PDB file of N, CA and C in Angstrom:
ATOM      1  N   MET A   1     -19.348 222.565  73.082  1.00  0.00           N
ATOM      2  CA  MET A   1     -20.176 222.578  71.899  1.00  0.00           C
ATOM      3  C   MET A   1     -21.470 221.826  72.154  1.00  0.00           C
ATOM      4  N   TYR A   2     -21.458 220.957  73.128  1.00  0.00           N
ATOM      5  CA  TYR A   2     -22.630 220.128  73.373  1.00  0.00           C
ATOM      6  C   TYR A   2     -23.624 220.799  74.309  1.00  0.00           C
ATOM      7  N   ASP A   3     -23.240 221.936  74.898  1.00  0.00           N
ATOM      8  CA  ASP A   3     -24.171 222.721  75.699  1.00  0.00           C
ATOM      9  C   ASP A   3     -24.893 223.704  74.785  1.00  0.00           C
ATOM     10  N   ASP A   4     -26.137 224.011  75.119  1.00  0.00           N
ATOM     11  CA  ASP A   4     -26.900 224.954  74.307  1.00  0.00           C
ATOM     12  C   ASP A   4     -26.317 226.360  74.415  1.00  0.00           C
ATOM     13  N   ALA A   5     -26.502 227.129  73.343  1.00  0.00           N
ATOM     14  CA  ALA A   5     -26.062 228.522  73.335  1.00  0.00           C
ATOM     15  C   ALA A   5     -26.819 229.297  74.407  1.00  0.00           C
ATOM     16  N   GLN A   6     -26.124 230.256  75.004  1.00  0.00           N
ATOM     17  CA  GLN A   6     -26.713 231.111  76.032  1.00  0.00           C
ATOM     18  C   GLN A   6     -26.687 232.563  75.549  1.00  0.00           C
ATOM     19  N   PRO A   7     -27.648 233.362  75.980  1.00  0.00           N
ATOM     20  CA  PRO A   7     -27.693 234.758  75.524  1.00  0.00           C
ATOM     21  C   PRO A   7     -26.430 235.553  75.845  1.00  0.00           C
ATOM     22  N   ASP A   8     -25.723 235.186  76.912  1.00  0.00           N
ATOM     23  CA  ASP A   8     -24.531 235.944  77.303  1.00  0.00           C
ATOM     24  C   ASP A   8     -23.224 235.322  76.800  1.00  0.00           C
ATOM     25  N   ASP A   9     -23.302 234.442  75.809  1.00  0.00           N
ATOM     26  CA  ASP A   9     -22.102 233.797  75.267  1.00  0.00           C
ATOM     27  C   ASP A   9     -21.201 234.756  74.499  1.00  0.00           C
ATOM     28  N   GLY A  10     -21.744 235.840  74.010  1.00  0.00           N
ATOM     29  CA  GLY A  10     -20.953 236.727  73.164  1.00  0.00           C
ATOM     30  C   GLY A  10     -20.672 236.047  71.833  1.00  0.00           C
ATOM     31  N   ALA A  11     -19.498 236.301  71.273  1.00  0.00           N
ATOM     32  CA  ALA A  11     -19.113 235.661  70.014  1.00  0.00           C
ATOM     33  C   ALA A  11     -18.834 234.181  70.275  1.00  0.00           C
ATOM     34  N   ARG A  12     -19.480 233.327  69.510  1.00  0.00           N
ATOM     35  CA  ARG A  12     -19.313 231.873  69.651  1.00  0.00           C
ATOM     36  C   ARG A  12     -18.478 231.381  68.472  1.00  0.00           C
ATOM     37  N   VAL A  13     -17.250 230.961  68.762  1.00  0.00           N
ATOM     38  CA  VAL A  13     -16.316 230.574  67.702  1.00  0.00           C
ATOM     39  C   VAL A  13     -15.905 229.116  67.885  1.00  0.00           C
ATOM     40  N   LEU A  14     -16.178 228.315  66.864  1.00  0.00           N
ATOM     41  CA  LEU A  14     -15.755 226.917  66.849  1.00  0.00           C
ATOM     42  C   LEU A  14     -14.286 226.874  66.441  1.00  0.00           C
ATOM     43  N   VAL A  15     -13.455 226.244  67.275  1.00  0.00           N
ATOM     44  CA  VAL A  15     -12.008 226.221  67.039  1.00  0.00           C
ATOM     45  C   VAL A  15     -11.513 224.814  66.712  1.00  0.00           C
ATOM     46  N   ASP A  16     -12.387 224.000  66.172  1.00  0.00           N
ATOM     47  CA  ASP A  16     -12.051 222.646  65.720  1.00  0.00           C
ATOM     48  C   ASP A  16     -11.954 222.626  64.204  1.00  0.00           C
ATOM     49  N   ARG A  17     -11.148 221.733  63.695  1.00  0.00           N
ATOM     50  CA  ARG A  17     -11.031 221.571  62.249  1.00  0.00           C
ATOM     51  C   ARG A  17     -12.211 220.786  61.679  1.00  0.00           C
ATOM     52  N   LEU A  18     -12.772 219.892  62.499  1.00  0.00           N
ATOM     53  CA  LEU A  18     -13.896 219.057  62.074  1.00  0.00           C
ATOM     54  C   LEU A  18     -15.164 219.486  62.791  1.00  0.00           C
ATOM     55  N   TRP A  19     -16.300 219.342  62.094  1.00  0.00           N
ATOM     56  CA  TRP A  19     -17.582 219.667  62.713  1.00  0.00           C
ATOM     57  C   TRP A  19     -17.923 218.589  63.748  1.00  0.00           C
ATOM     58  N   PRO A  20     -18.345 218.997  64.956  1.00  0.00           N
ATOM     59  CA  PRO A  20     -18.679 218.022  66.005  1.00  0.00           C
ATOM     60  C   PRO A  20     -19.868 217.145  65.622  1.00  0.00           C
ATOM     61  N   ARG A  21     -19.754 215.876  65.902  1.00  0.00           N
ATOM     62  CA  ARG A  21     -20.812 214.920  65.572  1.00  0.00           C
ATOM     63  C   ARG A  21     -22.084 215.217  66.352  1.00  0.00           C
ATOM     64  N   GLY A  22     -23.204 215.077  65.664  1.00  0.00           N
ATOM     65  CA  GLY A  22     -24.500 215.186  66.313  1.00  0.00           C
ATOM     66  C   GLY A  22     -24.954 216.598  66.627  1.00  0.00           C
ATOM     67  N   ILE A  23     -24.241 217.598  66.155  1.00  0.00           N
ATOM     68  CA  ILE A  23     -24.614 218.989  66.422  1.00  0.00           C
ATOM     69  C   ILE A  23     -25.056 219.640  65.118  1.00  0.00           C
ATOM     70  N   SER A  24     -26.275 220.168  65.115  1.00  0.00           N
ATOM     71  CA  SER A  24     -26.755 220.870  63.924  1.00  0.00           C
ATOM     72  C   SER A  24     -26.175 222.283  63.903  1.00  0.00           C
ATOM     73  N   LYS A  25     -26.114 222.855  62.723  1.00  0.00           N
ATOM     74  CA  LYS A  25     -25.591 224.217  62.607  1.00  0.00           C
ATOM     75  C   LYS A  25     -26.503 225.208  63.313  1.00  0.00           C
ATOM     76  N   ASP A  26     -27.803 224.949  63.301  1.00  0.00           N
ATOM     77  CA  ASP A  26     -28.728 225.831  64.018  1.00  0.00           C
ATOM     78  C   ASP A  26     -28.467 225.788  65.519  1.00  0.00           C
ATOM     79  N   ARG A  27     -28.313 224.596  66.058  1.00  0.00           N
ATOM     80  CA  ARG A  27     -28.075 224.453  67.497  1.00  0.00           C
ATOM     81  C   ARG A  27     -26.739 225.076  67.900  1.00  0.00           C
ATOM     82  N   ALA A  28     -25.759 225.002  67.026  1.00  0.00           N
ATOM     83  CA  ALA A  28     -24.434 225.541  67.346  1.00  0.00           C
ATOM     84  C   ALA A  28     -24.461 227.057  67.526  1.00  0.00           C
ATOM     85  N   ALA A  29     -25.307 227.729  66.776  1.00  0.00           N
ATOM     86  CA  ALA A  29     -25.438 229.190  66.871  1.00  0.00           C
ATOM     87  C   ALA A  29     -24.073 229.881  66.820  1.00  0.00           C
ATOM     88  N   LEU A  30     -23.299 229.540  65.803  1.00  0.00           N
ATOM     89  CA  LEU A  30     -21.935 230.061  65.679  1.00  0.00           C
ATOM     90  C   LEU A  30     -21.885 231.487  65.163  1.00  0.00           C
ATOM     91  N   THR A  31     -20.902 232.208  65.634  1.00  0.00           N
ATOM     92  CA  THR A  31     -20.519 233.471  65.036  1.00  0.00           C
ATOM     93  C   THR A  31     -19.539 233.187  63.896  1.00  0.00           C
ATOM     94  N   LEU A  32     -18.640 232.218  64.136  1.00  0.00           N
ATOM     95  CA  LEU A  32     -17.595 231.894  63.169  1.00  0.00           C
ATOM     96  C   LEU A  32     -17.076 230.488  63.419  1.00  0.00           C
ATOM     97  N   TRP A  33     -16.743 229.800  62.343  1.00  0.00           N
ATOM     98  CA  TRP A  33     -16.034 228.525  62.437  1.00  0.00           C
ATOM     99  C   TRP A  33     -14.619 228.810  61.958  1.00  0.00           C
ATOM    100  N   LEU A  34     -13.680 228.902  62.867  1.00  0.00           N
ATOM    101  CA  LEU A  34     -12.306 229.294  62.556  1.00  0.00           C
ATOM    102  C   LEU A  34     -11.410 228.060  62.501  1.00  0.00           C
ATOM    103  N   LYS A  35     -11.492 227.341  61.392  1.00  0.00           N
ATOM    104  CA  LYS A  35     -10.703 226.115  61.217  1.00  0.00           C
ATOM    105  C   LYS A  35      -9.204 226.393  61.243  1.00  0.00           C
ATOM    106  N   ASP A  36      -8.822 227.593  60.787  1.00  0.00           N
ATOM    107  CA  ASP A  36      -7.397 227.921  60.670  1.00  0.00           C
ATOM    108  C   ASP A  36      -6.668 227.972  62.005  1.00  0.00           C
ATOM    109  N   VAL A  37      -7.400 228.138  63.099  1.00  0.00           N
ATOM    110  CA  VAL A  37      -6.752 228.202  64.413  1.00  0.00           C
ATOM    111  C   VAL A  37      -6.691 226.823  65.077  1.00  0.00           C
ATOM    112  N   ALA A  38      -7.348 225.855  64.487  1.00  0.00           N
ATOM    113  CA  ALA A  38      -7.373 224.494  65.046  1.00  0.00           C
ATOM    114  C   ALA A  38      -6.021 223.806  64.862  1.00  0.00           C
ATOM    115  N   PRO A  39      -5.746 222.816  65.696  1.00  0.00           N
ATOM    116  CA  PRO A  39      -4.515 222.036  65.500  1.00  0.00           C
ATOM    117  C   PRO A  39      -4.511 221.385  64.112  1.00  0.00           C
ATOM    118  N   SER A  40      -3.343 221.212  63.561  1.00  0.00           N
ATOM    119  CA  SER A  40      -3.227 220.550  62.262  1.00  0.00           C
ATOM    120  C   SER A  40      -3.793 219.135  62.347  1.00  0.00           C
ATOM    121  N   THR A  41      -4.159 218.602  61.206  1.00  0.00           N
ATOM    122  CA  THR A  41      -4.677 217.235  61.164  1.00  0.00           C
ATOM    123  C   THR A  41      -3.647 216.259  61.721  1.00  0.00           C
ATOM    124  N   ALA A  42      -2.385 216.455  61.370  1.00  0.00           N
ATOM    125  CA  ALA A  42      -1.330 215.559  61.868  1.00  0.00           C
ATOM    126  C   ALA A  42      -1.225 215.626  63.394  1.00  0.00           C
ATOM    127  N   LEU A  43      -1.273 216.826  63.948  1.00  0.00           N
ATOM    128  CA  LEU A  43      -1.179 216.967  65.403  1.00  0.00           C
ATOM    129  C   LEU A  43      -2.414 216.384  66.086  1.00  0.00           C
ATOM    130  N   ARG A  44      -3.571 216.642  65.517  1.00  0.00           N
ATOM    131  CA  ARG A  44      -4.813 216.110  66.083  1.00  0.00           C
ATOM    132  C   ARG A  44      -4.782 214.588  66.121  1.00  0.00           C
ATOM    133  N   HIS A  45      -4.341 213.974  65.031  1.00  0.00           N
ATOM    134  CA  HIS A  45      -4.245 212.504  64.990  1.00  0.00           C
ATOM    135  C   HIS A  45      -3.206 211.989  65.990  1.00  0.00           C
ATOM    136  N   TRP A  46      -2.064 212.657  66.071  1.00  0.00           N
ATOM    137  CA  TRP A  46      -1.024 212.225  67.004  1.00  0.00           C
ATOM    138  C   TRP A  46      -1.531 212.284  68.441  1.00  0.00           C
ATOM    139  N   PHE A  47      -2.201 213.385  68.794  1.00  0.00           N
ATOM    140  CA  PHE A  47      -2.687 213.568  70.168  1.00  0.00           C
ATOM    141  C   PHE A  47      -3.756 212.534  70.513  1.00  0.00           C
ATOM    142  N   GLY A  48      -4.740 212.382  69.644  1.00  0.00           N
ATOM    143  CA  GLY A  48      -5.788 211.385  69.869  1.00  0.00           C
ATOM    144  C   GLY A  48      -6.509 211.537  71.201  1.00  0.00           C
ATOM    145  N   HIS A  49      -6.513 212.733  71.761  1.00  0.00           N
ATOM    146  CA  HIS A  49      -7.159 213.018  73.057  1.00  0.00           C
ATOM    147  C   HIS A  49      -6.628 212.123  74.166  1.00  0.00           C
ATOM    148  N   ASP A  50      -5.345 211.793  74.070  1.00  0.00           N
ATOM    149  CA  ASP A  50      -4.683 210.968  75.082  1.00  0.00           C
ATOM    150  C   ASP A  50      -4.064 211.895  76.128  1.00  0.00           C
ATOM    151  N   PRO A  51      -4.609 211.931  77.353  1.00  0.00           N
ATOM    152  CA  PRO A  51      -4.072 212.827  78.379  1.00  0.00           C
ATOM    153  C   PRO A  51      -2.579 212.634  78.640  1.00  0.00           C
ATOM    154  N   ALA A  52      -2.053 211.457  78.379  1.00  0.00           N
ATOM    155  CA  ALA A  52      -0.619 211.219  78.573  1.00  0.00           C
ATOM    156  C   ALA A  52       0.222 212.041  77.589  1.00  0.00           C
ATOM    157  N   ARG A  53      -0.386 212.481  76.490  1.00  0.00           N
ATOM    158  CA  ARG A  53       0.318 213.286  75.487  1.00  0.00           C
ATOM    159  C   ARG A  53       0.021 214.780  75.621  1.00  0.00           C
ATOM    160  N   TRP A  54      -0.714 215.152  76.647  1.00  0.00           N
ATOM    161  CA  TRP A  54      -1.187 216.523  76.800  1.00  0.00           C
ATOM    162  C   TRP A  54      -0.055 217.554  76.834  1.00  0.00           C
ATOM    163  N   ASP A  55       0.957 217.342  77.635  1.00  0.00           N
ATOM    164  CA  ASP A  55       2.039 218.325  77.743  1.00  0.00           C
ATOM    165  C   ASP A  55       2.725 218.554  76.400  1.00  0.00           C
ATOM    166  N   GLU A  56       3.003 217.478  75.699  1.00  0.00           N
ATOM    167  CA  GLU A  56       3.648 217.609  74.387  1.00  0.00           C
ATOM    168  C   GLU A  56       2.693 218.216  73.364  1.00  0.00           C
ATOM    169  N   PHE A  57       1.414 217.860  73.453  1.00  0.00           N
ATOM    170  CA  PHE A  57       0.417 218.460  72.557  1.00  0.00           C
ATOM    171  C   PHE A  57       0.407 219.976  72.718  1.00  0.00           C
ATOM    172  N   GLN A  58       0.389 220.442  73.963  1.00  0.00           N
ATOM    173  CA  GLN A  58       0.370 221.887  74.207  1.00  0.00           C
ATOM    174  C   GLN A  58       1.584 222.565  73.567  1.00  0.00           C
ATOM    175  N   LYS A  59       2.735 221.973  73.753  1.00  0.00           N
ATOM    176  CA  LYS A  59       3.973 222.529  73.192  1.00  0.00           C
ATOM    177  C   LYS A  59       3.889 222.610  71.665  1.00  0.00           C
ATOM    178  N   ARG A  60       3.470 221.519  71.039  1.00  0.00           N
ATOM    179  CA  ARG A  60       3.389 221.487  69.574  1.00  0.00           C
ATOM    180  C   ARG A  60       2.304 222.430  69.046  1.00  0.00           C
ATOM    181  N   TYR A  61       1.191 222.482  69.748  1.00  0.00           N
ATOM    182  CA  TYR A  61       0.096 223.346  69.300  1.00  0.00           C
ATOM    183  C   TYR A  61       0.480 224.820  69.442  1.00  0.00           C
ATOM    184  N   ARG A  62       1.156 225.166  70.518  1.00  0.00           N
ATOM    185  CA  ARG A  62       1.633 226.549  70.669  1.00  0.00           C
ATOM    186  C   ARG A  62       2.567 226.931  69.519  1.00  0.00           C
ATOM    187  N   ALA A  63       3.399 225.991  69.095  1.00  0.00           N
ATOM    188  CA  ALA A  63       4.286 226.256  67.951  1.00  0.00           C
ATOM    189  C   ALA A  63       3.462 226.493  66.686  1.00  0.00           C
ATOM    190  N   GLU A  64       2.399 225.717  66.510  1.00  0.00           N
ATOM    191  CA  GLU A  64       1.524 225.941  65.353  1.00  0.00           C
ATOM    192  C   GLU A  64       0.853 227.311  65.437  1.00  0.00           C
ATOM    193  N   LEU A  65       0.432 227.701  66.624  1.00  0.00           N
ATOM    194  CA  LEU A  65      -0.193 229.015  66.791  1.00  0.00           C
ATOM    195  C   LEU A  65       0.802 230.132  66.497  1.00  0.00           C
ATOM    196  N   ASP A  66       2.039 229.952  66.917  1.00  0.00           N
ATOM    197  CA  ASP A  66       3.081 230.944  66.632  1.00  0.00           C
ATOM    198  C   ASP A  66       3.270 231.122  65.130  1.00  0.00           C
ATOM    199  N   ALA A  67       3.090 230.046  64.385  1.00  0.00           N
ATOM    200  CA  ALA A  67       3.258 230.082  62.934  1.00  0.00           C
ATOM    201  C   ALA A  67       2.008 230.596  62.219  1.00  0.00           C
ATOM    202  N   ASN A  68       0.933 230.842  62.965  1.00  0.00           N
ATOM    203  CA  ASN A  68      -0.332 231.259  62.370  1.00  0.00           C
ATOM    204  C   ASN A  68      -0.937 232.435  63.154  1.00  0.00           C
ATOM    205  N   PRO A  69      -0.229 233.554  63.229  1.00  0.00           N
ATOM    206  CA  PRO A  69      -0.712 234.665  64.057  1.00  0.00           C
ATOM    207  C   PRO A  69      -2.010 235.298  63.566  1.00  0.00           C
ATOM    208  N   ASP A  70      -2.300 235.218  62.272  1.00  0.00           N
ATOM    209  CA  ASP A  70      -3.523 235.841  61.754  1.00  0.00           C
ATOM    210  C   ASP A  70      -4.775 235.231  62.369  1.00  0.00           C
ATOM    211  N   ALA A  71      -4.798 233.917  62.515  1.00  0.00           N
ATOM    212  CA  ALA A  71      -5.962 233.255  63.102  1.00  0.00           C
ATOM    213  C   ALA A  71      -6.120 233.644  64.570  1.00  0.00           C
ATOM    214  N   VAL A  72      -5.020 233.715  65.286  1.00  0.00           N
ATOM    215  CA  VAL A  72      -5.066 234.123  66.693  1.00  0.00           C
ATOM    216  C   VAL A  72      -5.551 235.566  66.793  1.00  0.00           C
ATOM    217  N   GLN A  73      -5.117 236.408  65.879  1.00  0.00           N
ATOM    218  CA  GLN A  73      -5.553 237.809  65.881  1.00  0.00           C
ATOM    219  C   GLN A  73      -7.057 237.928  65.659  1.00  0.00           C
ATOM    220  N   GLN A  74      -7.633 237.041  64.852  1.00  0.00           N
ATOM    221  CA  GLN A  74      -9.089 237.059  64.662  1.00  0.00           C
ATOM    222  C   GLN A  74      -9.800 236.817  65.988  1.00  0.00           C
ATOM    223  N   LEU A  75      -9.310 235.863  66.761  1.00  0.00           N
ATOM    224  CA  LEU A  75      -9.910 235.593  68.068  1.00  0.00           C
ATOM    225  C   LEU A  75      -9.698 236.768  69.017  1.00  0.00           C
ATOM    226  N   LEU A  76      -8.524 237.356  68.982  1.00  0.00           N
ATOM    227  CA  LEU A  76      -8.254 238.517  69.838  1.00  0.00           C
ATOM    228  C   LEU A  76      -9.203 239.664  69.533  1.00  0.00           C
ATOM    229  N   ALA A  77      -9.516 239.856  68.267  1.00  0.00           N
ATOM    230  CA  ALA A  77     -10.442 240.927  67.888  1.00  0.00           C
ATOM    231  C   ALA A  77     -11.805 240.715  68.536  1.00  0.00           C
ATOM    232  N   PHE A  78     -12.298 239.481  68.525  1.00  0.00           N
ATOM    233  CA  PHE A  78     -13.571 239.192  69.197  1.00  0.00           C
ATOM    234  C   PHE A  78     -13.451 239.428  70.696  1.00  0.00           C
ATOM    235  N   ALA A  79     -12.364 238.970  71.293  1.00  0.00           N
ATOM    236  CA  ALA A  79     -12.178 239.092  72.741  1.00  0.00           C
ATOM    237  C   ALA A  79     -12.101 240.555  73.172  1.00  0.00           C
ATOM    238  N   ARG A  80     -11.515 241.384  72.346  1.00  0.00           N
ATOM    239  CA  ARG A  80     -11.395 242.806  72.691  1.00  0.00           C
ATOM    240  C   ARG A  80     -12.731 243.539  72.583  1.00  0.00           C
ATOM    241  N   LYS A  81     -13.639 243.006  71.778  1.00  0.00           N
ATOM    242  CA  LYS A  81     -14.956 243.633  71.602  1.00  0.00           C
ATOM    243  C   LYS A  81     -15.932 243.239  72.701  1.00  0.00           C
ATOM    244  N   GLY A  82     -15.700 242.134  73.354  1.00  0.00           N
ATOM    245  CA  GLY A  82     -16.642 241.664  74.371  1.00  0.00           C
ATOM    246  C   GLY A  82     -16.387 240.207  74.689  1.00  0.00           C
ATOM    247  N   LYS A  83     -17.404 239.541  75.161  1.00  0.00           N
ATOM    248  CA  LYS A  83     -17.251 238.142  75.565  1.00  0.00           C
ATOM    249  C   LYS A  83     -17.022 237.246  74.347  1.00  0.00           C
ATOM    250  N   LEU A  84     -16.140 236.275  74.530  1.00  0.00           N
ATOM    251  CA  LEU A  84     -15.812 235.295  73.495  1.00  0.00           C
ATOM    252  C   LEU A  84     -15.975 233.906  74.088  1.00  0.00           C
ATOM    253  N   THR A  85     -16.730 233.067  73.408  1.00  0.00           N
ATOM    254  CA  THR A  85     -16.898 231.678  73.820  1.00  0.00           C
ATOM    255  C   THR A  85     -16.209 230.793  72.793  1.00  0.00           C
ATOM    256  N   LEU A  86     -15.198 230.052  73.238  1.00  0.00           N
ATOM    257  CA  LEU A  86     -14.484 229.114  72.370  1.00  0.00           C
ATOM    258  C   LEU A  86     -15.208 227.776  72.424  1.00  0.00           C
ATOM    259  N   LEU A  87     -15.602 227.278  71.269  1.00  0.00           N
ATOM    260  CA  LEU A  87     -16.328 226.017  71.180  1.00  0.00           C
ATOM    261  C   LEU A  87     -15.439 224.938  70.589  1.00  0.00           C
ATOM    262  N   TYR A  88     -15.612 223.717  71.071  1.00  0.00           N
ATOM    263  CA  TYR A  88     -14.810 222.586  70.622  1.00  0.00           C
ATOM    264  C   TYR A  88     -15.655 221.328  70.710  1.00  0.00           C
ATOM    265  N   GLY A  89     -15.269 220.309  69.967  1.00  0.00           N
ATOM    266  CA  GLY A  89     -16.037 219.074  69.930  1.00  0.00           C
ATOM    267  C   GLY A  89     -15.599 218.020  70.922  1.00  0.00           C
ATOM    268  N   ALA A  90     -14.451 218.185  71.538  1.00  0.00           N
ATOM    269  CA  ALA A  90     -13.945 217.176  72.476  1.00  0.00           C
ATOM    270  C   ALA A  90     -14.841 217.093  73.704  1.00  0.00           C
ATOM    271  N   ARG A  91     -15.000 215.894  74.210  1.00  0.00           N
ATOM    272  CA  ARG A  91     -15.778 215.705  75.445  1.00  0.00           C
ATOM    273  C   ARG A  91     -14.930 216.009  76.684  1.00  0.00           C
ATOM    274  N   ASP A  92     -13.619 215.926  76.541  1.00  0.00           N
ATOM    275  CA  ASP A  92     -12.694 216.193  77.641  1.00  0.00           C
ATOM    276  C   ASP A  92     -12.513 217.708  77.766  1.00  0.00           C
ATOM    277  N   THR A  93     -13.009 218.274  78.848  1.00  0.00           N
ATOM    278  CA  THR A  93     -12.964 219.724  79.017  1.00  0.00           C
ATOM    279  C   THR A  93     -11.612 220.250  79.486  1.00  0.00           C
ATOM    280  N   GLU A  94     -10.708 219.369  79.881  1.00  0.00           N
ATOM    281  CA  GLU A  94      -9.404 219.795  80.389  1.00  0.00           C
ATOM    282  C   GLU A  94      -8.265 219.592  79.402  1.00  0.00           C
ATOM    283  N   HIS A  95      -8.457 218.723  78.424  1.00  0.00           N
ATOM    284  CA  HIS A  95      -7.386 218.383  77.482  1.00  0.00           C
ATOM    285  C   HIS A  95      -7.883 218.583  76.051  1.00  0.00           C
ATOM    286  N   ASN A  96      -7.963 219.829  75.626  1.00  0.00           N
ATOM    287  CA  ASN A  96      -8.404 220.131  74.266  1.00  0.00           C
ATOM    288  C   ASN A  96      -7.799 221.458  73.822  1.00  0.00           C
ATOM    289  N   GLU A  97      -7.895 221.735  72.533  1.00  0.00           N
ATOM    290  CA  GLU A  97      -7.244 222.918  71.978  1.00  0.00           C
ATOM    291  C   GLU A  97      -7.776 224.226  72.545  1.00  0.00           C
ATOM    292  N   ALA A  98      -9.045 224.275  72.950  1.00  0.00           N
ATOM    293  CA  ALA A  98      -9.600 225.516  73.490  1.00  0.00           C
ATOM    294  C   ALA A  98      -8.892 225.928  74.780  1.00  0.00           C
ATOM    295  N   VAL A  99      -8.444 224.972  75.567  1.00  0.00           N
ATOM    296  CA  VAL A  99      -7.707 225.273  76.800  1.00  0.00           C
ATOM    297  C   VAL A  99      -6.404 225.997  76.454  1.00  0.00           C
ATOM    298  N   VAL A 100      -5.697 225.495  75.463  1.00  0.00           N
ATOM    299  CA  VAL A 100      -4.431 226.107  75.040  1.00  0.00           C
ATOM    300  C   VAL A 100      -4.691 227.489  74.440  1.00  0.00           C
ATOM    301  N   LEU A 101      -5.732 227.584  73.626  1.00  0.00           N
ATOM    302  CA  LEU A 101      -6.074 228.871  73.016  1.00  0.00           C
ATOM    303  C   LEU A 101      -6.442 229.911  74.070  1.00  0.00           C
ATOM    304  N   LEU A 102      -7.215 229.507  75.052  1.00  0.00           N
ATOM    305  CA  LEU A 102      -7.606 230.439  76.107  1.00  0.00           C
ATOM    306  C   LEU A 102      -6.379 230.966  76.846  1.00  0.00           C
ATOM    307  N   GLN A 103      -5.437 230.087  77.143  1.00  0.00           N
ATOM    308  CA  GLN A 103      -4.193 230.520  77.795  1.00  0.00           C
ATOM    309  C   GLN A 103      -3.452 231.533  76.923  1.00  0.00           C
ATOM    310  N   ARG A 104      -3.371 231.241  75.635  1.00  0.00           N
ATOM    311  CA  ARG A 104      -2.673 232.140  74.705  1.00  0.00           C
ATOM    312  C   ARG A 104      -3.386 233.489  74.627  1.00  0.00           C
ATOM    313  N   LEU A 105      -4.699 233.475  74.490  1.00  0.00           N
ATOM    314  CA  LEU A 105      -5.455 234.722  74.389  1.00  0.00           C
ATOM    315  C   LEU A 105      -5.328 235.553  75.665  1.00  0.00           C
ATOM    316  N   ASN A 106      -5.436 234.912  76.807  1.00  0.00           N
ATOM    317  CA  ASN A 106      -5.301 235.636  78.075  1.00  0.00           C
ATOM    318  C   ASN A 106      -3.924 236.274  78.209  1.00  0.00           C
ATOM    319  N   ALA A 107      -2.888 235.559  77.786  1.00  0.00           N
ATOM    320  CA  ALA A 107      -1.529 236.107  77.843  1.00  0.00           C
ATOM    321  C   ALA A 107      -1.394 237.318  76.918  1.00  0.00           C
ATOM    322  N   LEU A 108      -1.956 237.224  75.727  1.00  0.00           N
ATOM    323  CA  LEU A 108      -1.872 238.336  74.782  1.00  0.00           C
ATOM    324  C   LEU A 108      -2.688 239.535  75.244  1.00  0.00           C
ATOM    325  N   LEU A 109      -3.837 239.287  75.841  1.00  0.00           N
ATOM    326  CA  LEU A 109      -4.673 240.380  76.333  1.00  0.00           C
ATOM    327  C   LEU A 109      -4.031 241.079  77.531  1.00  0.00           C
ATOM    328  N   ALA A 110      -3.273 240.332  78.324  1.00  0.00           N
ATOM    329  CA  ALA A 110      -2.622 240.897  79.509  1.00  0.00           C
ATOM    330  C   ALA A 110      -1.347 241.668  79.163  1.00  0.00           C
ATOM    331  N   ALA A 111      -0.807 241.416  77.981  1.00  0.00           N
ATOM    332  CA  ALA A 111       0.468 242.046  77.587  1.00  0.00           C
ATOM    333  C   ALA A 111       0.290 243.517  77.244  1.00  0.00           C
TER     334      ALA A 111
END
């Protein structure tokens, strides 16, 4: 989310429940803010971006995604139409919800 939008980004979808600090809506250049696909507030607070909790976070978040197929289907629709860029506010590029979502979307697209 902290990198500028690029012409080849395709659909730019924010997958966080909270708006990232210091980012204007103009700079974000969003196609959609899909709060419904973000981790629950309780899960987000529990995880706290602690890499030691990453494995359990992934497991719990996947369960939340399983319980919310409509939001995942919205992302799949964008992915099937062309390029999809998942945006998130975390500074950690390896331990965030977009990583889990990308894995889920790739699995569904390959099925």
